[in-house]
Amino acid sequence: MQAGAAPFAAALLLALLLGRLGRLGSGLALLGGWALGVQLAVGWRLLPLSASRKLLLVALAAAALGLLLELRPALARPRRLSALAAAVGLASAGWVLWPLLARGALEPLPAVAAGLYAAWLPLALLALRGQPVRVLVALAAAAAGTGAAALLGASALLGQLALAAAAAASGVLVPACWGRVQAPALLGLLPLGLAVALAGVEGVAYARLPWPALLPVAAAPMLATVPAPEAWSRPVRLLWILLWPGLAAAAAGYWAWRQAGGLPW
């Protein structure tokens, strides 16, 4: 309920109410739904500064950055935005993993891989931001795969944070499928993309999430671009777009299930 129904309903309601605001409205709906899920699951208390609290701080900072970029479109040109998203993801991964790096508990190669993953996922999602349905499907699938894998990797907290993002994205996706809302603005897409990426990174580094489970998650944005023939009806095209990222999410959960040998709690 906390990680699913409430953020879904909140995001859906906000998307319908704020639809006239265009991209800003859908971005606020996405962020608002996830924020409610976070509040119900763990609360917004940011101290003491644990890895999961750092994730929340990164999301808040990314929301502020996203709003600035929306207000100053010249700063959000494609190349600049791509470089900025990758840099923020890389820096965020370094920050949340710093306690392990400082005491030598994390080898250089896994640390670099974590940074690249945290840079790639928001970057890949932002590349789809002009396509409302595809970007929301990609975000929902990446978040659902991360959440399921994290739950099976013995981190219920990270799982709830990721599943709240999946639910919020799904809530905005419903009206987007019928052209009722636009693609979410950066103030919603950037923080949720980073939060999902960091949930995966922290699950591998601090819990028992097997790193191969993140490979299908990383592929979800690319799978959301698989073209659907225009001759197909709208419902069939929607199902086609949902199919491939959905399989990626299922693969992530299945891999974690196989490695965990069943539910860990």
C-alpha atoms as a PDB file:
ATOM      1  CA  MET A   1       0.000   0.000   0.000  1.00  0.00           C
ATOM      2  CA  GLN A   2       2.697   2.474   1.049  1.00  0.00           C
ATOM      3  CA  ALA A   3       4.919   1.910  -1.964  1.00  0.00           C
ATOM      4  CA  GLY A   4       2.176   1.246  -4.497  1.00  0.00           C
ATOM      5  CA  ALA A   5      -1.439   2.350  -4.263  1.00  0.00           C
ATOM      6  CA  ALA A   6      -0.973   5.708  -2.522  1.00  0.00           C
ATOM      7  CA  PRO A   7       1.732   7.142  -4.818  1.00  0.00           C
ATOM      8  CA  PHE A   8      -0.094   5.783  -7.868  1.00  0.00           C
ATOM      9  CA  ALA A   9      -3.377   7.413  -6.875  1.00  0.00           C
ATOM     10  CA  ALA A  10      -1.696  10.684  -5.897  1.00  0.00           C
ATOM     11  CA  ALA A  11       0.262  10.906  -9.149  1.00  0.00           C
ATOM     12  CA  LEU A  12      -2.808  10.055 -11.227  1.00  0.00           C
ATOM     13  CA  LEU A  13      -4.945  12.658  -9.474  1.00  0.00           C
ATOM     14  CA  LEU A  14      -2.273  15.345  -9.720  1.00  0.00           C
ATOM     15  CA  ALA A  15      -1.680  14.567 -13.397  1.00  0.00           C
ATOM     16  CA  LEU A  16      -5.371  15.060 -14.139  1.00  0.00           C
ATOM     17  CA  LEU A  17      -5.678  18.206 -12.025  1.00  0.00           C
ATOM     18  CA  LEU A  18      -2.487  19.815 -13.325  1.00  0.00           C
ATOM     19  CA  GLY A  19      -2.826  18.685 -16.926  1.00  0.00           C
ATOM     20  CA  ARG A  20      -3.290  22.257 -18.133  1.00  0.00           C
ATOM     21  CA  LEU A  21       0.209  23.099 -16.936  1.00  0.00           C
ATOM     22  CA  GLY A  22       1.670  20.824 -19.598  1.00  0.00           C
ATOM     23  CA  ARG A  23       5.085  19.341 -18.902  1.00  0.00           C
ATOM     24  CA  LEU A  24       5.326  21.167 -15.589  1.00  0.00           C
ATOM     25  CA  GLY A  25       2.060  19.634 -14.411  1.00  0.00           C
ATOM     26  CA  SER A  26       3.083  16.071 -15.226  1.00  0.00           C
ATOM     27  CA  GLY A  27       6.489  16.676 -13.647  1.00  0.00           C
ATOM     28  CA  LEU A  28       4.853  17.914 -10.448  1.00  0.00           C
ATOM     29  CA  ALA A  29       2.502  14.919 -10.480  1.00  0.00           C
ATOM     30  CA  LEU A  30       5.430  12.534 -10.838  1.00  0.00           C
ATOM     31  CA  LEU A  31       7.385  14.190  -8.042  1.00  0.00           C
ATOM     32  CA  GLY A  32       4.350  14.549  -5.782  1.00  0.00           C
ATOM     33  CA  GLY A  33       3.353  10.907  -6.079  1.00  0.00           C
ATOM     34  CA  TRP A  34       6.862   9.727  -5.252  1.00  0.00           C
ATOM     35  CA  ALA A  35       7.181  12.198  -2.368  1.00  0.00           C
ATOM     36  CA  LEU A  36       4.010  10.789  -0.826  1.00  0.00           C
ATOM     37  CA  GLY A  37       5.354   7.259  -1.178  1.00  0.00           C
ATOM     38  CA  VAL A  38       8.580   8.280   0.544  1.00  0.00           C
ATOM     39  CA  GLN A  39       6.669   9.959   3.362  1.00  0.00           C
ATOM     40  CA  LEU A  40       4.515   6.907   3.987  1.00  0.00           C
ATOM     41  CA  ALA A  41       7.400   4.440   3.744  1.00  0.00           C
ATOM     42  CA  VAL A  42      10.291   6.122   5.561  1.00  0.00           C
ATOM     43  CA  GLY A  43       9.450   9.791   6.114  1.00  0.00           C
ATOM     44  CA  TRP A  44      11.391  12.828   4.971  1.00  0.00           C
ATOM     45  CA  ARG A  45      13.671  13.108   7.994  1.00  0.00           C
ATOM     46  CA  LEU A  46      17.114  13.669   6.472  1.00  0.00           C
ATOM     47  CA  LEU A  47      19.241  13.069   9.563  1.00  0.00           C
ATOM     48  CA  PRO A  48      21.185  11.021  10.540  1.00  0.00           C
ATOM     49  CA  LEU A  49      22.823  11.053   7.123  1.00  0.00           C
ATOM     50  CA  SER A  50      22.630   7.401   6.050  1.00  0.00           C
ATOM     51  CA  ALA A  51      22.971   6.157   2.473  1.00  0.00           C
ATOM     52  CA  SER A  52      19.204   6.156   1.982  1.00  0.00           C
ATOM     53  CA  ARG A  53      18.946   9.711   3.369  1.00  0.00           C
ATOM     54  CA  LYS A  54      21.629  10.777   0.911  1.00  0.00           C
ATOM     55  CA  LEU A  55      19.442   9.366  -1.845  1.00  0.00           C
ATOM     56  CA  LEU A  56      16.599  11.616  -0.690  1.00  0.00           C
ATOM     57  CA  LEU A  57      18.879  14.647  -0.528  1.00  0.00           C
ATOM     58  CA  VAL A  58      20.108  13.967  -4.053  1.00  0.00           C
ATOM     59  CA  ALA A  59      16.501  13.743  -5.248  1.00  0.00           C
ATOM     60  CA  LEU A  60      15.610  17.058  -3.601  1.00  0.00           C
ATOM     61  CA  ALA A  61      18.652  18.762  -5.089  1.00  0.00           C
ATOM     62  CA  ALA A  62      17.865  17.262  -8.504  1.00  0.00           C
ATOM     63  CA  ALA A  63      14.289  18.557  -8.299  1.00  0.00           C
ATOM     64  CA  ALA A  64      15.605  22.064  -7.619  1.00  0.00           C
ATOM     65  CA  LEU A  65      18.077  21.709 -10.479  1.00  0.00           C
ATOM     66  CA  GLY A  66      15.325  20.448 -12.766  1.00  0.00           C
ATOM     67  CA  LEU A  67      13.162  23.459 -11.939  1.00  0.00           C
ATOM     68  CA  LEU A  68      16.064  25.797 -12.702  1.00  0.00           C
ATOM     69  CA  LEU A  69      16.603  24.091 -16.048  1.00  0.00           C
ATOM     70  CA  GLU A  70      12.922  24.452 -16.889  1.00  0.00           C
ATOM     71  CA  LEU A  71      13.051  28.161 -16.077  1.00  0.00           C
ATOM     72  CA  ARG A  72      16.247  28.630 -18.082  1.00  0.00           C
ATOM     73  CA  PRO A  73      15.774  26.562 -21.264  1.00  0.00           C
ATOM     74  CA  ALA A  74      19.131  27.692 -22.639  1.00  0.00           C
ATOM     75  CA  LEU A  75      20.786  25.598 -19.930  1.00  0.00           C
ATOM     76  CA  ALA A  76      18.800  22.511 -20.947  1.00  0.00           C
ATOM     77  CA  ARG A  77      20.004  22.142 -24.515  1.00  0.00           C
ATOM     78  CA  PRO A  78      20.453  18.447 -25.362  1.00  0.00           C
ATOM     79  CA  ARG A  79      24.244  18.213 -25.149  1.00  0.00           C
ATOM     80  CA  ARG A  80      24.490  20.336 -22.021  1.00  0.00           C
ATOM     81  CA  LEU A  81      21.662  18.442 -20.381  1.00  0.00           C
ATOM     82  CA  SER A  82      23.180  15.066 -21.200  1.00  0.00           C
ATOM     83  CA  ALA A  83      26.558  16.076 -19.803  1.00  0.00           C
ATOM     84  CA  LEU A  84      24.948  17.561 -16.701  1.00  0.00           C
ATOM     85  CA  ALA A  85      22.786  14.495 -16.013  1.00  0.00           C
ATOM     86  CA  ALA A  86      25.757  12.163 -16.384  1.00  0.00           C
ATOM     87  CA  ALA A  87      27.941  14.330 -14.141  1.00  0.00           C
ATOM     88  CA  VAL A  88      25.268  14.573 -11.443  1.00  0.00           C
ATOM     89  CA  GLY A  89      24.706  10.813 -11.514  1.00  0.00           C
ATOM     90  CA  LEU A  90      28.420  10.092 -11.287  1.00  0.00           C
ATOM     91  CA  ALA A  91      28.939  12.556  -8.430  1.00  0.00           C
ATOM     92  CA  SER A  92      25.889  11.258  -6.563  1.00  0.00           C
ATOM     93  CA  ALA A  93      27.129   7.677  -6.744  1.00  0.00           C
ATOM     94  CA  GLY A  94      30.509   8.780  -5.419  1.00  0.00           C
ATOM     95  CA  TRP A  95      28.848  10.577  -2.517  1.00  0.00           C
ATOM     96  CA  VAL A  96      26.622   7.702  -1.403  1.00  0.00           C
ATOM     97  CA  LEU A  97      29.488   5.211  -1.746  1.00  0.00           C
ATOM     98  CA  TRP A  98      32.126   7.398  -0.101  1.00  0.00           C
ATOM     99  CA  PRO A  99      32.033   5.622   3.311  1.00  0.00           C
ATOM    100  CA  LEU A 100      32.932   2.348   1.569  1.00  0.00           C
ATOM    101  CA  LEU A 101      35.556   3.995  -0.636  1.00  0.00           C
ATOM    102  CA  ALA A 102      37.156   5.808   2.297  1.00  0.00           C
ATOM    103  CA  ARG A 103      37.836   2.620   4.222  1.00  0.00           C
ATOM    104  CA  GLY A 104      38.789   0.571   1.170  1.00  0.00           C
ATOM    105  CA  ALA A 105      35.743  -1.678   1.410  1.00  0.00           C
ATOM    106  CA  LEU A 106      34.875  -1.201  -2.260  1.00  0.00           C
ATOM    107  CA  GLU A 107      37.205  -2.129  -5.082  1.00  0.00           C
ATOM    108  CA  PRO A 108      37.917   0.487  -7.795  1.00  0.00           C
ATOM    109  CA  LEU A 109      36.282  -1.460 -10.628  1.00  0.00           C
ATOM    110  CA  PRO A 110      32.888  -1.916  -8.911  1.00  0.00           C
ATOM    111  CA  ALA A 111      33.019   1.732  -7.841  1.00  0.00           C
ATOM    112  CA  VAL A 112      33.557   2.872 -11.429  1.00  0.00           C
ATOM    113  CA  ALA A 113      30.784   0.561 -12.638  1.00  0.00           C
ATOM    114  CA  ALA A 114      28.422   2.011 -10.024  1.00  0.00           C
ATOM    115  CA  GLY A 115      29.248   5.538 -11.136  1.00  0.00           C
ATOM    116  CA  LEU A 116      28.681   4.692 -14.787  1.00  0.00           C
ATOM    117  CA  TYR A 117      25.350   3.056 -13.981  1.00  0.00           C
ATOM    118  CA  ALA A 118      24.203   6.075 -11.960  1.00  0.00           C
ATOM    119  CA  ALA A 119      25.221   8.319 -14.859  1.00  0.00           C
ATOM    120  CA  TRP A 120      23.643   6.156 -17.554  1.00  0.00           C
ATOM    121  CA  LEU A 121      20.132   5.615 -16.205  1.00  0.00           C
ATOM    122  CA  PRO A 122      19.042   9.270 -15.822  1.00  0.00           C
ATOM    123  CA  LEU A 123      20.841  10.110 -19.065  1.00  0.00           C
ATOM    124  CA  ALA A 124      18.940   7.397 -20.952  1.00  0.00           C
ATOM    125  CA  LEU A 125      15.628   8.487 -19.449  1.00  0.00           C
ATOM    126  CA  LEU A 126      16.195  12.129 -20.357  1.00  0.00           C
ATOM    127  CA  ALA A 127      16.841  11.077 -23.948  1.00  0.00           C
ATOM    128  CA  LEU A 128      13.180   9.967 -24.092  1.00  0.00           C
ATOM    129  CA  ARG A 129      11.662  13.038 -22.479  1.00  0.00           C
ATOM    130  CA  GLY A 130      10.024  14.183 -25.709  1.00  0.00           C
ATOM    131  CA  GLN A 131       7.922  10.995 -25.819  1.00  0.00           C
ATOM    132  CA  PRO A 132       5.466  10.941 -22.881  1.00  0.00           C
ATOM    133  CA  VAL A 133       4.404   7.298 -22.996  1.00  0.00           C
ATOM    134  CA  ARG A 134       7.824   5.837 -23.709  1.00  0.00           C
ATOM    135  CA  VAL A 135       9.679   7.816 -21.048  1.00  0.00           C
ATOM    136  CA  LEU A 136       7.086   6.985 -18.387  1.00  0.00           C
ATOM    137  CA  VAL A 137       7.091   3.304 -19.359  1.00  0.00           C
ATOM    138  CA  ALA A 138      10.887   3.260 -19.183  1.00  0.00           C
ATOM    139  CA  LEU A 139      10.916   4.950 -15.768  1.00  0.00           C
ATOM    140  CA  ALA A 140       8.186   2.703 -14.382  1.00  0.00           C
ATOM    141  CA  ALA A 141       9.943  -0.439 -15.625  1.00  0.00           C
ATOM    142  CA  ALA A 142      13.373   0.608 -14.351  1.00  0.00           C
ATOM    143  CA  ALA A 143      11.912   1.522 -10.967  1.00  0.00           C
ATOM    144  CA  ALA A 144       9.816  -1.651 -10.710  1.00  0.00           C
ATOM    145  CA  GLY A 145      12.768  -3.849 -11.641  1.00  0.00           C
ATOM    146  CA  THR A 146      14.998  -2.074  -9.137  1.00  0.00           C
ATOM    147  CA  GLY A 147      12.353  -2.235  -6.429  1.00  0.00           C
ATOM    148  CA  ALA A 148      11.645  -5.929  -6.896  1.00  0.00           C
ATOM    149  CA  ALA A 149      15.341  -6.795  -7.036  1.00  0.00           C
ATOM    150  CA  ALA A 150      16.089  -4.667  -3.965  1.00  0.00           C
ATOM    151  CA  LEU A 151      13.327  -6.320  -1.953  1.00  0.00           C
ATOM    152  CA  LEU A 152      14.746  -9.708  -2.843  1.00  0.00           C
ATOM    153  CA  GLY A 153      18.256  -8.435  -2.113  1.00  0.00           C
ATOM    154  CA  ALA A 154      17.407  -7.890   1.565  1.00  0.00           C
ATOM    155  CA  SER A 155      16.737  -4.134   1.409  1.00  0.00           C
ATOM    156  CA  ALA A 156      13.071  -3.440   1.995  1.00  0.00           C
ATOM    157  CA  LEU A 157      13.767   0.296   2.391  1.00  0.00           C
ATOM    158  CA  LEU A 158      15.421   0.721  -1.001  1.00  0.00           C
ATOM    159  CA  GLY A 159      12.770  -1.503  -2.531  1.00  0.00           C
ATOM    160  CA  GLN A 160       9.992   0.722  -1.215  1.00  0.00           C
ATOM    161  CA  LEU A 161      11.682   3.878  -2.499  1.00  0.00           C
ATOM    162  CA  ALA A 162      12.058   2.402  -5.978  1.00  0.00           C
ATOM    163  CA  LEU A 163       8.563   0.916  -6.069  1.00  0.00           C
ATOM    164  CA  ALA A 164       7.119   4.290  -5.047  1.00  0.00           C
ATOM    165  CA  ALA A 165       8.812   5.759  -8.125  1.00  0.00           C
ATOM    166  CA  ALA A 166       7.341   2.984 -10.276  1.00  0.00           C
ATOM    167  CA  ALA A 167       3.874   3.636  -8.885  1.00  0.00           C
ATOM    168  CA  ALA A 168       4.142   7.395  -9.435  1.00  0.00           C
ATOM    169  CA  ALA A 169       5.321   6.908 -13.016  1.00  0.00           C
ATOM    170  CA  SER A 170       2.467   4.473 -13.629  1.00  0.00           C
ATOM    171  CA  GLY A 171      -0.027   6.982 -12.246  1.00  0.00           C
ATOM    172  CA  VAL A 172       1.098   9.660 -14.701  1.00  0.00           C
ATOM    173  CA  LEU A 173       1.288   7.070 -17.478  1.00  0.00           C
ATOM    174  CA  VAL A 174      -2.445   6.328 -17.368  1.00  0.00           C
ATOM    175  CA  PRO A 175      -3.590   9.733 -18.700  1.00  0.00           C
ATOM    176  CA  ALA A 176      -0.475   9.970 -20.886  1.00  0.00           C
ATOM    177  CA  CYS A 177      -1.591   6.880 -22.797  1.00  0.00           C
ATOM    178  CA  TRP A 178      -4.621   8.837 -24.000  1.00  0.00           C
ATOM    179  CA  GLY A 179      -2.825  12.083 -24.676  1.00  0.00           C
ATOM    180  CA  ARG A 180      -4.142  13.822 -21.564  1.00  0.00           C
ATOM    181  CA  VAL A 181      -0.737  14.900 -20.226  1.00  0.00           C
ATOM    182  CA  GLN A 182       2.638  15.759 -21.692  1.00  0.00           C
ATOM    183  CA  ALA A 183       6.032  14.240 -20.915  1.00  0.00           C
ATOM    184  CA  PRO A 184       7.122  15.139 -17.363  1.00  0.00           C
ATOM    185  CA  ALA A 185       9.287  18.188 -16.825  1.00  0.00           C
ATOM    186  CA  LEU A 186      12.839  17.879 -15.568  1.00  0.00           C
ATOM    187  CA  LEU A 187      11.868  18.711 -11.996  1.00  0.00           C
ATOM    188  CA  GLY A 188      10.113  15.326 -11.853  1.00  0.00           C
ATOM    189  CA  LEU A 189      12.032  13.165 -14.289  1.00  0.00           C
ATOM    190  CA  LEU A 190      15.562  14.017 -13.154  1.00  0.00           C
ATOM    191  CA  PRO A 191      15.098  13.348  -9.399  1.00  0.00           C
ATOM    192  CA  LEU A 192      13.214  10.101  -9.934  1.00  0.00           C
ATOM    193  CA  GLY A 193      15.719   8.860 -12.481  1.00  0.00           C
ATOM    194  CA  LEU A 194      18.555   9.559 -10.060  1.00  0.00           C
ATOM    195  CA  ALA A 195      16.679   8.042  -7.125  1.00  0.00           C
ATOM    196  CA  VAL A 196      16.062   4.798  -9.005  1.00  0.00           C
ATOM    197  CA  ALA A 197      19.688   4.635 -10.141  1.00  0.00           C
ATOM    198  CA  LEU A 198      21.010   5.238  -6.623  1.00  0.00           C
ATOM    199  CA  ALA A 199      18.617   2.677  -5.142  1.00  0.00           C
ATOM    200  CA  GLY A 200      20.218   0.084  -7.398  1.00  0.00           C
ATOM    201  CA  VAL A 201      23.744   1.229  -6.595  1.00  0.00           C
ATOM    202  CA  GLU A 202      23.106   1.180  -2.849  1.00  0.00           C
ATOM    203  CA  GLY A 203      21.383  -2.193  -3.077  1.00  0.00           C
ATOM    204  CA  VAL A 204      24.505  -3.707  -4.612  1.00  0.00           C
ATOM    205  CA  ALA A 205      26.978  -1.917  -2.334  1.00  0.00           C
ATOM    206  CA  TYR A 206      25.207  -2.054   1.022  1.00  0.00           C
ATOM    207  CA  ALA A 207      22.781  -4.980   0.706  1.00  0.00           C
ATOM    208  CA  ARG A 208      22.800  -8.263  -1.195  1.00  0.00           C
ATOM    209  CA  LEU A 209      21.418  -7.126  -4.521  1.00  0.00           C
ATOM    210  CA  PRO A 210      23.318  -9.041  -7.250  1.00  0.00           C
ATOM    211  CA  TRP A 211      24.789  -6.594  -9.742  1.00  0.00           C
ATOM    212  CA  PRO A 212      23.656  -8.578 -12.840  1.00  0.00           C
ATOM    213  CA  ALA A 213      20.074  -7.750 -11.831  1.00  0.00           C
ATOM    214  CA  LEU A 214      20.781  -4.130 -12.780  1.00  0.00           C
ATOM    215  CA  LEU A 215      21.672  -5.002 -16.375  1.00  0.00           C
ATOM    216  CA  PRO A 216      18.051  -5.407 -17.544  1.00  0.00           C
ATOM    217  CA  VAL A 217      17.156  -2.273 -15.573  1.00  0.00           C
ATOM    218  CA  ALA A 218      19.800  -0.347 -17.496  1.00  0.00           C
ATOM    219  CA  ALA A 219      18.336  -1.695 -20.738  1.00  0.00           C
ATOM    220  CA  ALA A 220      14.760  -0.608 -19.958  1.00  0.00           C
ATOM    221  CA  PRO A 221      15.044   2.883 -21.544  1.00  0.00           C
ATOM    222  CA  MET A 222      16.442   1.417 -24.754  1.00  0.00           C
ATOM    223  CA  LEU A 223      13.756  -1.271 -24.869  1.00  0.00           C
ATOM    224  CA  ALA A 224      11.114   1.444 -24.538  1.00  0.00           C
ATOM    225  CA  THR A 225      12.186   2.761 -27.946  1.00  0.00           C
ATOM    226  CA  VAL A 226      11.274  -0.426 -29.852  1.00  0.00           C
ATOM    227  CA  PRO A 227       9.038   0.925 -32.638  1.00  0.00           C
ATOM    228  CA  ALA A 228       5.389  -0.052 -32.917  1.00  0.00           C
ATOM    229  CA  PRO A 229       3.868  -0.115 -36.428  1.00  0.00           C
ATOM    230  CA  GLU A 230       1.487   2.793 -37.031  1.00  0.00           C
ATOM    231  CA  ALA A 231      -0.981   0.392 -38.639  1.00  0.00           C
ATOM    232  CA  TRP A 232      -1.670  -1.169 -35.247  1.00  0.00           C
ATOM    233  CA  SER A 233      -4.475   0.153 -33.080  1.00  0.00           C
ATOM    234  CA  ARG A 234      -3.630   2.410 -30.140  1.00  0.00           C
ATOM    235  CA  PRO A 235      -4.205  -0.286 -27.472  1.00  0.00           C
ATOM    236  CA  VAL A 236      -2.003  -2.782 -29.317  1.00  0.00           C
ATOM    237  CA  ARG A 237       0.764  -0.198 -29.751  1.00  0.00           C
ATOM    238  CA  LEU A 238       0.584   0.635 -26.053  1.00  0.00           C
ATOM    239  CA  LEU A 239       0.866  -3.027 -25.109  1.00  0.00           C
ATOM    240  CA  TRP A 240       3.839  -3.387 -27.443  1.00  0.00           C
ATOM    241  CA  ILE A 241       5.612  -0.424 -25.847  1.00  0.00           C
ATOM    242  CA  LEU A 242       4.896  -1.841 -22.383  1.00  0.00           C
ATOM    243  CA  LEU A 243       6.031  -5.356 -23.261  1.00  0.00           C
ATOM    244  CA  TRP A 244       9.792  -4.988 -23.637  1.00  0.00           C
ATOM    245  CA  PRO A 245      10.571  -2.749 -20.639  1.00  0.00           C
ATOM    246  CA  GLY A 246       8.178  -4.905 -18.614  1.00  0.00           C
ATOM    247  CA  LEU A 247      10.186  -7.989 -19.505  1.00  0.00           C
ATOM    248  CA  ALA A 248      13.344  -6.172 -18.402  1.00  0.00           C
ATOM    249  CA  ALA A 249      11.775  -5.404 -15.022  1.00  0.00           C
ATOM    250  CA  ALA A 250      10.662  -9.018 -14.649  1.00  0.00           C
ATOM    251  CA  ALA A 251      14.151 -10.233 -15.554  1.00  0.00           C
ATOM    252  CA  ALA A 252      15.696  -8.053 -12.839  1.00  0.00           C
ATOM    253  CA  GLY A 253      13.331  -9.416 -10.220  1.00  0.00           C
ATOM    254  CA  TYR A 254      13.786 -12.992 -11.409  1.00  0.00           C
ATOM    255  CA  TRP A 255      17.577 -12.761 -11.270  1.00  0.00           C
ATOM    256  CA  ALA A 256      17.467 -11.417  -7.722  1.00  0.00           C
ATOM    257  CA  TRP A 257      14.995 -14.158  -6.793  1.00  0.00           C
ATOM    258  CA  ARG A 258      17.283 -16.852  -8.152  1.00  0.00           C
ATOM    259  CA  GLN A 259      20.282 -15.456  -6.304  1.00  0.00           C
ATOM    260  CA  ALA A 260      18.422 -14.948  -3.032  1.00  0.00           C
ATOM    261  CA  GLY A 261      16.850 -18.401  -3.053  1.00  0.00           C
ATOM    262  CA  GLY A 262      13.476 -17.006  -2.018  1.00  0.00           C
ATOM    263  CA  LEU A 263      12.200 -14.097  -0.001  1.00  0.00           C
ATOM    264  CA  PRO A 264      14.821 -12.771   2.459  1.00  0.00           C
ATOM    265  CA  TRP A 265      12.461 -11.681   5.212  1.00  0.00           C
END
